[in-house]
Amino acid sequence: MSQGQPASGELLRGPRLYMVMAAAVLAMLLGSLDSMILGAAMPRIVGELGGLDRLSWLVTAYMLTIAVSTPLWGKLGDMYGHKGAFIWAIVLFLAGSVLSGMAQSMSQLIGFRALQGLGGGGLMVGALAIIGTLVPPRQQGKYQGVISGVMGLAMVGGPLIGGVIADQLGWRWCFYVNVPVGAAALIMIAWLRLPRQRTQARIDIAGVILLTIAISAVVLVTTWGGKDYAWTSPPLLALLALALAALVALVYVERRVTAPLLPLALFKNANFSLITVAGLFLGCVMTSAVTFLPIFQQVVQHASATNAGLLLLPMFAAMVAVSAFGGQFITKSGKYKAFVVVGGAALAVGSFLLSWAGRGTSPVVLGVFMAALGLGMGLLTQTTLLISLQSAELKDLGVASSTATLARSLGGSVGVAISGALFAGAVSGARTADGTPVSGAGGAQPDPNVLARLPHALRQAYENAVADGTSRIFLFCTVLAAIALVAGCFVKEVPLRTANVPETDDTTPTPTAAPDPAQPSSPVNP
């Protein structure tokens, strides 16, 4: 066995474990920073490249390809090793980041964001699967608390960093900043040997194709519905039929293949199914909030991109605080259901309060509303991942983590598409007191520099439209958060596992001698 390679049944400890954790955190920071930084730069991107009607596609394209690729990354990690899949995901994400920074049109930027998403689908999956392999669920609370805290800090600093970059360097550097972070993660992970298993099973190509068709059809329906096409129009009905047919075929295929992309046995566990539903709607609310709150603050509250980042601090500070506390509490007590229920309630309350925000809402009051939302986000982010991993067998940790990530990514993709349609509908229908349409008079760009040149009446009408669109979005989010709360109430508190036994990292089986009945067996290292 190579030096530094963990033996079967031996968990990494000390510096090697900390190195793995650092690499995992940095990789997850890539995806989080990208989303957080970009939110504050959205108005500048639209101001330079145009295409307000396709604004939601900057997020949708990214989240869609994450959703499509996530299960595949999880299965590849389970079959051939999480380290290799993790490294390739980082490389692909960085390639998409560089190309996005070089985009010359909105269409190019959307396409390169899709490439980013293909790599991004493996970032969270790889990190969670590695942590799930090395750390038993009972001990994961403190590590996931640290991870959630660091991710929350990224969310706190991300909008501020994005605002500073957009104001000082230009929005393209919001993508280029991913390169040094990703390079650091690659260096840390490349020199480590991690526990893994190999299998001769083939990739479930049919499952990949069917899942891609189903997810793409659903996202297109939610993106086009009520905006480009009527909800009952033939194109949307055809897409719905295609999605349903693909889902039925997917279930048929997954029940018969040797190594299914989505093992249906996972969903026989009630906790896994319930927490997947909660994660789905959590993704809807989180992505919608991060995408549209900065626009509301810059357009309605006249904040600069930098100040818009600062104004999001209450939401992310609350998320960091509860993540740090929650991880330690779960590790010591083994209890987690209360976090799911309270988190769902806080998410619903925060969303409802934000639906009342308007032009007259002060930044202090808005900050209180966002703190309530952040409380729910922090509590649910940690517990949804923990319960997903706890509910799966060790051999399916990659698939379990990919399914949890898929649910959140799919929720984010569908949620932001519907939110974008609600927002665009409010803006496109806005008119001044004399009947002048806002969109037809050049007022459909959320760039503050463009708005400053508009006549007062037109600018005021646009600000009212943005406030109305934001209100519609958070009313929609309130309904979704309420569903997540109901799902969380039915979760059963199952004792967390206290030990994991990872598979060997050898490419060939290690021969073992038959046990001598006369000798006592040696305990496995915890």
Protein backbone atom coordinates (compact mmCIF):
# COMPACT_ATOMS: atom_id res chain seq x y z
CA MET A 1 0.00 0.00 0.00
CA SER A 2 1.33 3.41 -0.90
CA GLN A 3 2.62 5.68 1.79
CA GLY A 4 -0.05 7.99 3.10
CA GLN A 5 -2.82 5.79 1.77
CA PRO A 6 -5.49 4.93 4.30
CA ALA A 7 -6.00 1.32 5.10
CA SER A 8 -9.36 -0.30 4.87
CA GLY A 9 -11.29 0.53 7.96
CA GLU A 10 -8.93 3.37 8.93
CA LEU A 11 -10.23 6.92 8.99
CA LEU A 12 -8.03 9.90 8.29
CA ARG A 13 -7.17 11.91 11.37
CA GLY A 14 -5.04 14.90 12.26
CA PRO A 15 -3.33 16.96 9.54
CA ARG A 16 -4.42 14.70 6.68
CA LEU A 17 -8.09 15.01 7.64
CA TYR A 18 -7.73 18.78 8.03
CA MET A 19 -6.15 18.96 4.58
CA VAL A 20 -9.08 17.07 3.06
CA MET A 21 -11.54 19.29 4.89
CA ALA A 22 -9.76 22.43 3.70
CA ALA A 23 -9.82 21.23 0.09
CA ALA A 24 -13.51 20.33 0.37
CA VAL A 25 -14.38 23.72 1.86
CA LEU A 26 -12.43 25.58 -0.83
CA ALA A 27 -14.16 23.63 -3.58
CA MET A 28 -17.58 24.35 -2.14
CA LEU A 29 -16.59 27.99 -1.82
CA LEU A 30 -16.17 28.09 -5.59
CA GLY A 31 -19.85 27.47 -6.24
CA SER A 32 -21.06 29.65 -3.37
CA LEU A 33 -18.80 32.60 -4.13
CA ASP A 34 -19.75 32.43 -7.79
CA SER A 35 -23.46 32.74 -7.01
CA MET A 36 -23.03 35.32 -4.24
CA ILE A 37 -20.60 37.54 -6.13
CA LEU A 38 -22.61 37.46 -9.34
CA GLY A 39 -25.83 38.62 -7.67
CA ALA A 40 -24.48 42.09 -6.96
CA ALA A 41 -23.09 42.35 -10.50
CA MET A 42 -26.30 41.41 -12.32
CA PRO A 43 -27.38 45.00 -13.07
CA ARG A 44 -23.96 45.80 -14.56
CA ILE A 45 -23.98 42.66 -16.69
CA VAL A 46 -27.40 43.50 -18.13
CA GLY A 47 -26.35 47.12 -18.60
CA GLU A 48 -23.36 46.06 -20.74
CA LEU A 49 -24.65 42.99 -22.55
CA GLY A 50 -28.41 43.73 -22.56
CA GLY A 51 -30.98 40.97 -22.42
CA LEU A 52 -33.06 41.73 -19.31
CA ASP A 53 -35.64 39.22 -20.58
CA ARG A 54 -32.95 36.54 -20.26
CA LEU A 55 -31.63 37.66 -16.89
CA SER A 56 -32.96 34.60 -15.06
CA TRP A 57 -31.17 32.37 -17.58
CA LEU A 58 -27.81 33.42 -16.13
CA VAL A 59 -28.86 31.54 -13.03
CA THR A 60 -31.14 28.98 -14.69
CA ALA A 61 -28.49 27.73 -17.15
CA TYR A 62 -26.00 27.30 -14.30
CA MET A 63 -28.45 25.58 -11.97
CA LEU A 64 -29.89 23.40 -14.76
CA THR A 65 -26.53 21.91 -15.72
CA ILE A 66 -25.67 21.45 -12.05
CA ALA A 67 -28.92 19.53 -11.60
CA VAL A 68 -28.34 17.40 -14.70
CA SER A 69 -24.71 16.55 -13.90
CA THR A 70 -24.99 16.10 -10.13
CA PRO A 71 -26.21 12.47 -10.08
CA LEU A 72 -23.61 11.52 -12.69
CA TRP A 73 -20.77 12.97 -10.60
CA GLY A 74 -22.05 11.10 -7.55
CA LYS A 75 -22.19 7.80 -9.41
CA LEU A 76 -18.76 8.33 -10.99
CA GLY A 77 -17.33 8.97 -7.52
CA ASP A 78 -18.94 5.84 -6.08
CA MET A 79 -17.69 3.73 -8.99
CA TYR A 80 -14.19 5.05 -9.65
CA GLY A 81 -13.22 7.13 -6.62
CA HIS A 82 -14.39 10.47 -5.31
CA LYS A 83 -10.96 12.09 -5.57
CA GLY A 84 -10.65 11.80 -9.35
CA ALA A 85 -14.22 12.94 -9.96
CA PHE A 86 -13.67 15.84 -7.58
CA ILE A 87 -10.55 17.02 -9.42
CA TRP A 88 -12.21 16.88 -12.85
CA ALA A 89 -15.21 18.80 -11.55
CA ILE A 90 -12.96 21.61 -10.29
CA VAL A 91 -11.06 21.78 -13.59
CA LEU A 92 -14.28 21.96 -15.62
CA PHE A 93 -15.70 24.64 -13.34
CA LEU A 94 -12.58 26.78 -13.69
CA ALA A 95 -12.66 26.46 -17.48
CA GLY A 96 -16.25 27.69 -17.50
CA SER A 97 -15.32 30.57 -15.18
CA VAL A 98 -12.55 31.83 -17.45
CA LEU A 99 -14.73 31.60 -20.55
CA SER A 100 -17.61 33.38 -18.77
CA GLY A 101 -15.29 36.25 -17.95
CA MET A 102 -14.42 36.53 -21.64
CA ALA A 103 -18.05 36.47 -22.90
CA GLN A 104 -19.01 39.19 -25.39
CA SER A 105 -22.78 38.67 -25.46
CA MET A 106 -25.54 37.50 -23.16
CA SER A 107 -25.93 34.32 -25.22
CA GLN A 108 -22.24 33.49 -24.83
CA LEU A 109 -22.35 34.20 -21.11
CA ILE A 110 -25.37 31.93 -20.64
CA GLY A 111 -23.61 29.15 -22.57
CA PHE A 112 -20.40 29.43 -20.55
CA ARG A 113 -22.42 29.54 -17.33
CA ALA A 114 -23.90 26.21 -18.41
CA LEU A 115 -20.36 24.84 -18.77
CA GLN A 116 -19.57 26.14 -15.30
CA GLY A 117 -22.59 24.29 -13.99
CA LEU A 118 -21.39 20.99 -15.46
CA GLY A 119 -18.34 21.27 -13.25
CA GLY A 120 -20.24 22.82 -10.37
CA GLY A 121 -22.43 19.72 -10.14
CA GLY A 122 -19.42 17.76 -8.88
CA LEU A 123 -18.11 20.31 -6.36
CA MET A 124 -20.62 19.86 -3.57
CA VAL A 125 -21.14 16.17 -4.35
CA GLY A 126 -17.44 15.36 -4.20
CA ALA A 127 -16.87 17.34 -1.02
CA LEU A 128 -19.86 15.83 0.80
CA ALA A 129 -19.09 12.29 -0.32
CA ILE A 130 -15.47 12.57 0.85
CA ILE A 131 -16.55 13.96 4.21
CA GLY A 132 -19.26 11.31 4.50
CA THR A 133 -16.69 8.59 3.83
CA LEU A 134 -14.15 9.85 6.37
CA VAL A 135 -16.40 11.14 9.15
CA PRO A 136 -19.26 9.17 10.83
CA PRO A 137 -22.65 10.95 10.87
CA ARG A 138 -22.57 11.45 14.66
CA GLN A 139 -19.32 13.42 14.24
CA GLN A 140 -20.35 15.18 11.03
CA GLY A 141 -22.33 17.77 12.96
CA LYS A 142 -19.27 19.67 14.10
CA TYR A 143 -17.56 19.40 10.72
CA GLN A 144 -20.67 20.40 8.80
CA GLY A 145 -21.13 23.20 11.32
CA VAL A 146 -17.67 24.47 10.39
CA ILE A 147 -18.42 24.02 6.70
CA SER A 148 -21.77 25.77 6.97
CA GLY A 149 -20.12 28.56 8.94
CA VAL A 150 -17.41 29.01 6.33
CA MET A 151 -19.99 28.85 3.54
CA GLY A 152 -22.05 31.40 5.42
CA LEU A 153 -19.02 33.65 5.71
CA ALA A 154 -18.62 33.32 1.96
CA MET A 155 -22.24 34.32 1.59
CA VAL A 156 -21.66 37.27 3.91
CA GLY A 157 -18.56 38.40 2.08
CA GLY A 158 -19.65 37.31 -1.39
CA PRO A 159 -22.16 40.07 -2.13
CA LEU A 160 -19.80 42.66 -0.67
CA ILE A 161 -16.88 41.32 -2.70
CA GLY A 162 -19.11 41.16 -5.77
CA GLY A 163 -20.20 44.75 -5.25
CA VAL A 164 -16.62 45.97 -4.86
CA ILE A 165 -15.50 44.00 -7.92
CA ALA A 166 -18.42 45.29 -10.01
CA ASP A 167 -17.78 48.89 -8.93
CA GLN A 168 -13.98 48.85 -9.12
CA LEU A 169 -12.81 46.13 -11.53
CA GLY A 170 -15.84 45.26 -13.66
CA TRP A 171 -18.18 42.29 -13.56
CA ARG A 172 -15.83 40.01 -15.54
CA TRP A 173 -13.57 39.68 -12.51
CA CYS A 174 -16.48 38.07 -10.67
CA PHE A 175 -15.57 34.99 -12.72
CA TYR A 176 -11.81 35.35 -12.80
CA VAL A 177 -11.65 35.38 -8.99
CA ASN A 178 -12.59 31.68 -9.03
CA VAL A 179 -9.23 30.72 -10.54
CA PRO A 180 -6.93 31.18 -7.49
CA VAL A 181 -9.48 29.58 -5.14
CA GLY A 182 -9.86 26.57 -7.40
CA ALA A 183 -6.11 26.24 -7.90
CA ALA A 184 -5.59 26.11 -4.13
CA ALA A 185 -8.20 23.35 -3.80
CA LEU A 186 -6.57 21.35 -6.60
CA ILE A 187 -3.13 21.57 -4.98
CA MET A 188 -4.48 20.38 -1.63
CA ILE A 189 -6.48 17.46 -2.97
CA ALA A 190 -4.00 16.27 -5.63
CA TRP A 191 -1.42 15.02 -3.11
CA LEU A 192 -3.85 13.04 -0.97
CA ARG A 193 -4.88 9.40 -1.22
CA LEU A 194 -8.44 8.85 -0.11
CA PRO A 195 -10.49 5.73 0.66
CA ARG A 196 -12.46 4.60 -2.36
CA GLN A 197 -13.87 1.58 -4.09
CA ARG A 198 -13.83 0.42 -7.67
CA THR A 199 -16.53 -1.51 -9.44
CA GLN A 200 -16.86 -3.03 -12.88
CA ALA A 201 -20.43 -1.76 -13.28
CA ARG A 202 -21.09 0.47 -16.26
CA ILE A 203 -22.37 4.01 -16.19
CA ASP A 204 -26.15 4.16 -16.41
CA ILE A 205 -26.23 6.01 -19.74
CA ALA A 206 -29.97 5.53 -20.20
CA GLY A 207 -30.58 6.96 -16.73
CA VAL A 208 -28.40 9.99 -17.49
CA ILE A 209 -30.25 10.70 -20.75
CA LEU A 210 -33.73 10.27 -19.26
CA LEU A 211 -32.95 12.38 -16.20
CA THR A 212 -31.50 15.11 -18.41
CA ILE A 213 -34.63 15.15 -20.58
CA ALA A 214 -36.96 15.25 -17.57
CA ILE A 215 -35.09 18.03 -15.74
CA SER A 216 -34.59 20.12 -18.88
CA ALA A 217 -38.26 19.89 -19.81
CA VAL A 218 -39.40 20.93 -16.32
CA VAL A 219 -37.01 23.90 -16.23
CA LEU A 220 -38.05 25.05 -19.71
CA VAL A 221 -41.73 24.92 -18.71
CA THR A 222 -41.13 27.04 -15.61
CA THR A 223 -38.89 29.44 -17.52
CA TRP A 224 -41.19 30.00 -20.50
CA GLY A 225 -44.57 29.60 -18.80
CA GLY A 226 -46.59 32.79 -18.51
CA LYS A 227 -43.90 34.81 -20.26
CA ASP A 228 -42.93 33.42 -23.66
CA TYR A 229 -45.88 31.03 -23.88
CA ALA A 230 -49.26 30.69 -22.18
CA TRP A 231 -49.35 27.95 -19.56
CA THR A 232 -51.86 25.98 -21.65
CA SER A 233 -50.08 26.51 -24.99
CA PRO A 234 -49.17 23.42 -27.08
CA PRO A 235 -45.36 23.85 -26.63
CA LEU A 236 -45.61 23.85 -22.83
CA LEU A 237 -48.11 20.99 -22.75
CA ALA A 238 -45.78 19.01 -25.01
CA LEU A 239 -42.85 19.69 -22.68
CA LEU A 240 -44.90 18.58 -19.67
CA ALA A 241 -45.84 15.38 -21.46
CA LEU A 242 -42.18 14.82 -22.36
CA ALA A 243 -41.11 15.34 -18.73
CA LEU A 244 -43.73 12.88 -17.47
CA ALA A 245 -42.80 10.26 -20.07
CA ALA A 246 -39.10 10.62 -19.25
CA LEU A 247 -39.79 10.23 -15.50
CA VAL A 248 -41.85 7.07 -16.07
CA ALA A 249 -39.13 5.63 -18.31
CA LEU A 250 -36.48 6.62 -15.74
CA VAL A 251 -38.25 4.69 -12.97
CA TYR A 252 -38.55 1.66 -15.27
CA VAL A 253 -34.84 1.77 -16.19
CA GLU A 254 -33.54 2.43 -12.68
CA ARG A 255 -35.36 -0.62 -11.31
CA ARG A 256 -33.55 -2.91 -13.75
CA VAL A 257 -29.98 -1.70 -14.26
CA THR A 258 -27.08 -3.07 -12.21
CA ALA A 259 -25.72 0.31 -11.09
CA PRO A 260 -28.63 2.78 -11.26
CA LEU A 261 -27.92 6.50 -11.46
CA LEU A 262 -30.57 7.10 -8.78
CA PRO A 263 -31.06 3.96 -6.64
CA LEU A 264 -34.80 3.95 -5.95
CA ALA A 265 -34.20 2.03 -2.73
CA LEU A 266 -32.95 5.29 -1.21
CA PHE A 267 -36.45 6.73 -1.46
CA LYS A 268 -37.93 3.85 0.49
CA ASN A 269 -36.40 5.54 3.50
CA ALA A 270 -39.08 8.03 4.60
CA ASN A 271 -36.54 10.42 6.12
CA PHE A 272 -34.55 10.53 2.89
CA SER A 273 -37.64 11.28 0.81
CA LEU A 274 -38.95 13.93 3.20
CA ILE A 275 -35.64 15.73 3.57
CA THR A 276 -35.17 15.66 -0.21
CA VAL A 277 -38.48 17.52 -0.55
CA ALA A 278 -37.35 20.04 2.08
CA GLY A 279 -34.04 20.53 0.26
CA LEU A 280 -35.84 21.05 -3.05
CA PHE A 281 -37.88 23.97 -1.74
CA LEU A 282 -34.97 25.34 0.28
CA GLY A 283 -33.08 25.65 -3.01
CA CYS A 284 -36.01 27.55 -4.55
CA VAL A 285 -36.10 30.11 -1.75
CA MET A 286 -32.32 30.56 -1.37
CA THR A 287 -31.62 31.07 -5.07
CA SER A 288 -34.54 33.45 -5.57
CA ALA A 289 -33.50 35.55 -2.57
CA VAL A 290 -29.84 35.78 -3.58
CA THR A 291 -30.72 36.64 -7.19
CA PHE A 292 -33.40 39.29 -6.73
CA LEU A 293 -32.71 40.98 -3.38
CA PRO A 294 -29.59 42.79 -4.75
CA ILE A 295 -31.68 44.11 -7.66
CA PHE A 296 -34.35 45.34 -5.25
CA GLN A 297 -31.74 47.10 -3.12
CA GLN A 298 -29.97 48.78 -6.02
CA VAL A 299 -33.10 49.85 -7.91
CA VAL A 300 -35.61 50.56 -5.14
CA GLN A 301 -33.32 51.57 -2.28
CA HIS A 302 -30.75 53.29 -4.55
CA ALA A 303 -27.81 51.31 -3.11
CA SER A 304 -24.56 50.94 -4.99
CA ALA A 305 -23.40 47.42 -5.87
CA THR A 306 -21.02 47.54 -2.89
CA ASN A 307 -23.71 48.73 -0.49
CA ALA A 308 -26.14 46.15 -1.83
CA GLY A 309 -23.65 43.53 -0.69
CA LEU A 310 -23.44 45.13 2.74
CA LEU A 311 -27.22 45.25 3.04
CA LEU A 312 -27.36 41.45 2.65
CA LEU A 313 -25.17 40.96 5.73
CA PRO A 314 -28.07 40.38 8.18
CA MET A 315 -29.30 37.39 6.19
CA PHE A 316 -25.95 35.70 5.91
CA ALA A 317 -24.75 36.66 9.40
CA ALA A 318 -27.81 34.88 10.85
CA MET A 319 -26.99 31.88 8.70
CA VAL A 320 -23.42 31.74 9.99
CA ALA A 321 -24.47 32.08 13.62
CA VAL A 322 -27.00 29.25 13.61
CA SER A 323 -24.69 26.99 11.56
CA ALA A 324 -21.88 27.30 14.12
CA PHE A 325 -24.24 26.62 17.02
CA GLY A 326 -26.22 23.89 15.28
CA GLY A 327 -23.23 21.78 14.33
CA GLN A 328 -21.92 21.63 17.88
CA PHE A 329 -25.37 20.89 19.31
CA ILE A 330 -26.05 18.03 16.89
CA THR A 331 -22.63 16.48 17.58
CA LYS A 332 -23.15 16.52 21.36
CA SER A 333 -26.81 15.55 21.49
CA GLY A 334 -27.42 13.60 18.29
CA LYS A 335 -30.72 15.49 17.95
CA TYR A 336 -31.62 17.23 14.70
CA LYS A 337 -35.38 17.21 14.05
CA ALA A 338 -35.99 20.45 15.96
CA PHE A 339 -33.55 22.21 13.60
CA VAL A 340 -35.54 21.04 10.58
CA VAL A 341 -38.87 22.22 11.99
CA VAL A 342 -37.63 25.57 13.33
CA GLY A 343 -35.67 26.14 10.12
CA GLY A 344 -38.73 25.57 7.96
CA ALA A 345 -40.81 27.92 10.11
CA ALA A 346 -38.15 30.66 10.01
CA LEU A 347 -37.84 30.28 6.23
CA ALA A 348 -41.59 30.73 5.81
CA VAL A 349 -41.79 33.70 8.19
CA GLY A 350 -38.79 35.44 6.63
CA SER A 351 -40.18 34.99 3.11
CA PHE A 352 -43.58 36.35 4.14
CA LEU A 353 -42.05 39.40 5.82
CA LEU A 354 -39.93 40.15 2.74
CA SER A 355 -43.06 40.03 0.57
CA TRP A 356 -44.17 43.22 2.38
CA ALA A 357 -40.98 45.12 1.56
CA GLY A 358 -41.49 48.14 -0.67
CA ARG A 359 -40.11 51.56 -1.52
CA GLY A 360 -40.84 52.85 1.98
CA THR A 361 -39.20 49.96 3.86
CA SER A 362 -36.14 51.16 5.77
CA PRO A 363 -32.85 49.21 5.50
CA VAL A 364 -33.09 48.36 9.24
CA VAL A 365 -36.52 46.77 8.91
CA LEU A 366 -35.44 45.00 5.72
CA GLY A 367 -32.39 43.69 7.60
CA VAL A 368 -34.62 42.16 10.31
CA PHE A 369 -36.71 40.45 7.63
CA MET A 370 -33.59 39.07 5.95
CA ALA A 371 -32.18 37.85 9.28
CA ALA A 372 -35.31 35.73 9.78
CA LEU A 373 -34.82 34.25 6.32
CA GLY A 374 -31.13 33.62 7.03
CA LEU A 375 -32.02 31.81 10.25
CA GLY A 376 -34.13 29.34 8.32
CA MET A 377 -31.50 28.94 5.60
CA GLY A 378 -28.77 28.18 8.14
CA LEU A 379 -30.80 25.61 10.04
CA LEU A 380 -32.02 23.76 6.96
CA THR A 381 -28.81 23.83 4.92
CA GLN A 382 -26.95 21.80 7.50
CA THR A 383 -29.67 19.34 8.50
CA THR A 384 -30.86 18.47 5.00
CA LEU A 385 -27.36 17.30 4.06
CA LEU A 386 -26.78 15.48 7.35
CA ILE A 387 -30.05 13.55 7.22
CA SER A 388 -29.49 12.62 3.56
CA LEU A 389 -26.10 11.06 4.33
CA GLN A 390 -27.37 9.42 7.53
CA SER A 391 -30.25 7.78 5.66
CA ALA A 392 -28.03 6.06 3.07
CA GLU A 393 -25.76 3.04 3.25
CA LEU A 394 -22.02 3.69 3.12
CA LYS A 395 -21.75 2.32 -0.43
CA ASP A 396 -24.32 4.90 -1.60
CA LEU A 397 -22.88 8.02 0.05
CA GLY A 398 -21.94 9.52 -3.30
CA VAL A 399 -25.43 8.98 -4.70
CA ALA A 400 -27.03 10.24 -1.48
CA SER A 401 -24.98 13.44 -1.50
CA SER A 402 -25.62 13.92 -5.22
CA THR A 403 -29.37 13.44 -4.74
CA ALA A 404 -29.41 16.01 -1.92
CA THR A 405 -27.44 18.43 -4.08
CA LEU A 406 -29.64 17.62 -7.09
CA ALA A 407 -32.77 18.47 -5.11
CA ARG A 408 -31.39 21.83 -4.03
CA SER A 409 -29.99 22.63 -7.48
CA LEU A 410 -33.19 21.62 -9.25
CA GLY A 411 -35.18 23.64 -6.75
CA GLY A 412 -32.93 26.63 -7.36
CA SER A 413 -33.20 26.27 -11.13
CA VAL A 414 -36.99 25.92 -11.20
CA GLY A 415 -37.47 28.47 -8.43
CA VAL A 416 -35.41 31.21 -10.04
CA ALA A 417 -37.08 30.52 -13.40
CA ILE A 418 -40.54 31.03 -11.90
CA SER A 419 -39.30 34.01 -9.87
CA GLY A 420 -37.80 35.49 -13.02
CA ALA A 421 -41.14 35.13 -14.80
CA LEU A 422 -42.96 36.83 -11.90
CA PHE A 423 -40.39 39.64 -11.85
CA ALA A 424 -40.43 40.14 -15.64
CA GLY A 425 -44.23 40.13 -15.64
CA ALA A 426 -44.34 42.94 -13.08
CA VAL A 427 -41.81 45.04 -15.00
CA SER A 428 -43.23 44.45 -18.47
CA GLY A 429 -46.70 45.48 -17.36
CA ALA A 430 -45.59 48.65 -15.51
CA ARG A 431 -46.73 52.05 -16.79
CA THR A 432 -46.37 55.64 -15.70
CA ALA A 433 -49.36 57.75 -14.62
CA ASP A 434 -49.89 58.91 -18.22
CA GLY A 435 -49.85 55.35 -19.57
CA THR A 436 -46.28 55.22 -20.90
CA PRO A 437 -44.99 51.63 -20.66
CA VAL A 438 -41.74 51.33 -18.71
CA SER A 439 -40.29 48.59 -20.89
CA GLY A 440 -40.98 50.48 -24.10
CA ALA A 441 -39.21 53.64 -22.96
CA GLY A 442 -35.80 52.21 -22.20
CA GLY A 443 -36.54 51.67 -18.55
CA ALA A 444 -36.21 47.90 -18.59
CA GLN A 445 -32.55 47.86 -17.55
CA PRO A 446 -31.84 47.56 -13.79
CA ASP A 447 -28.41 49.20 -14.18
CA PRO A 448 -28.45 52.25 -11.84
CA ASN A 449 -26.43 54.23 -14.38
CA VAL A 450 -29.18 53.72 -16.97
CA LEU A 451 -31.99 54.47 -14.52
CA ALA A 452 -30.35 57.72 -13.43
CA ARG A 453 -30.84 59.12 -16.95
CA LEU A 454 -34.57 58.37 -17.07
CA PRO A 455 -37.27 61.00 -16.45
CA HIS A 456 -38.47 61.05 -12.84
CA ALA A 457 -41.92 59.63 -13.59
CA LEU A 458 -40.51 56.76 -15.62
CA ARG A 459 -37.90 55.91 -13.03
CA GLN A 460 -40.48 55.98 -10.23
CA ALA A 461 -42.78 53.66 -12.20
CA TYR A 462 -39.89 51.26 -12.76
CA GLU A 463 -38.97 51.27 -9.06
CA ASN A 464 -42.57 50.49 -8.15
CA ALA A 465 -42.58 47.66 -10.67
CA VAL A 466 -39.39 46.16 -9.22
CA ALA A 467 -40.85 46.38 -5.69
CA ASP A 468 -44.04 44.69 -6.90
CA GLY A 469 -42.07 41.95 -8.68
CA THR A 470 -39.99 41.30 -5.55
CA SER A 471 -43.16 41.07 -3.45
CA ARG A 472 -44.60 38.47 -5.83
CA ILE A 473 -41.39 36.45 -5.65
CA PHE A 474 -41.39 36.23 -1.85
CA LEU A 475 -45.08 35.38 -1.66
CA PHE A 476 -44.23 32.49 -3.96
CA CYS A 477 -41.29 31.61 -1.67
CA THR A 478 -43.59 31.67 1.38
CA VAL A 479 -45.71 28.89 -0.10
CA LEU A 480 -42.63 26.80 -0.91
CA ALA A 481 -41.16 27.31 2.58
CA ALA A 482 -44.46 26.21 4.13
CA ILE A 483 -44.26 22.94 2.16
CA ALA A 484 -40.69 22.42 3.40
CA LEU A 485 -41.92 22.98 6.96
CA VAL A 486 -44.66 20.36 6.58
CA ALA A 487 -42.15 17.83 5.20
CA GLY A 488 -39.80 18.54 8.11
CA CYS A 489 -42.53 17.90 10.66
CA PHE A 490 -42.81 14.28 9.47
CA VAL A 491 -39.06 13.54 9.74
CA LYS A 492 -38.32 10.90 12.38
CA GLU A 493 -35.32 11.35 14.67
CA VAL A 494 -33.19 8.26 13.98
CA PRO A 495 -29.99 7.83 16.06
CA LEU A 496 -26.97 8.98 14.08
CA ARG A 497 -24.30 6.46 13.13
CA THR A 498 -21.21 6.66 15.30
CA ALA A 499 -18.74 4.92 12.97
CA ASN A 500 -17.98 4.53 9.27
CA VAL A 501 -15.83 1.87 7.62
CA PRO A 502 -14.65 3.23 4.25
CA GLU A 503 -13.67 1.00 1.41
CA THR A 504 -10.04 0.36 0.50
CA ASP A 505 -8.25 2.65 -1.95
CA ASP A 506 -6.41 -0.27 -3.58
CA THR A 507 -7.16 -0.99 -7.20
CA THR A 508 -6.89 -4.74 -6.43
CA PRO A 509 -8.32 -6.57 -3.44
CA THR A 510 -6.00 -6.89 -0.49
CA PRO A 511 -5.73 -10.56 0.56
CA THR A 512 -6.58 -11.24 4.15
CA ALA A 513 -5.78 -14.27 6.20
CA ALA A 514 -8.54 -16.38 7.65
CA PRO A 515 -9.21 -15.51 11.28
CA ASP A 516 -7.72 -17.79 13.89
CA PRO A 517 -10.52 -18.93 16.21
CA ALA A 518 -8.04 -19.13 19.04
CA GLN A 519 -7.14 -15.45 18.76
CA PRO A 520 -9.43 -12.58 19.81
CA SER A 521 -10.45 -10.23 17.04
CA SER A 522 -8.91 -6.75 16.98
CA PRO A 523 -11.23 -3.79 17.13
CA VAL A 524 -11.51 -1.55 14.10
CA ASN A 525 -10.11 1.92 14.57
CA PRO A 526 -12.94 4.42 15.17
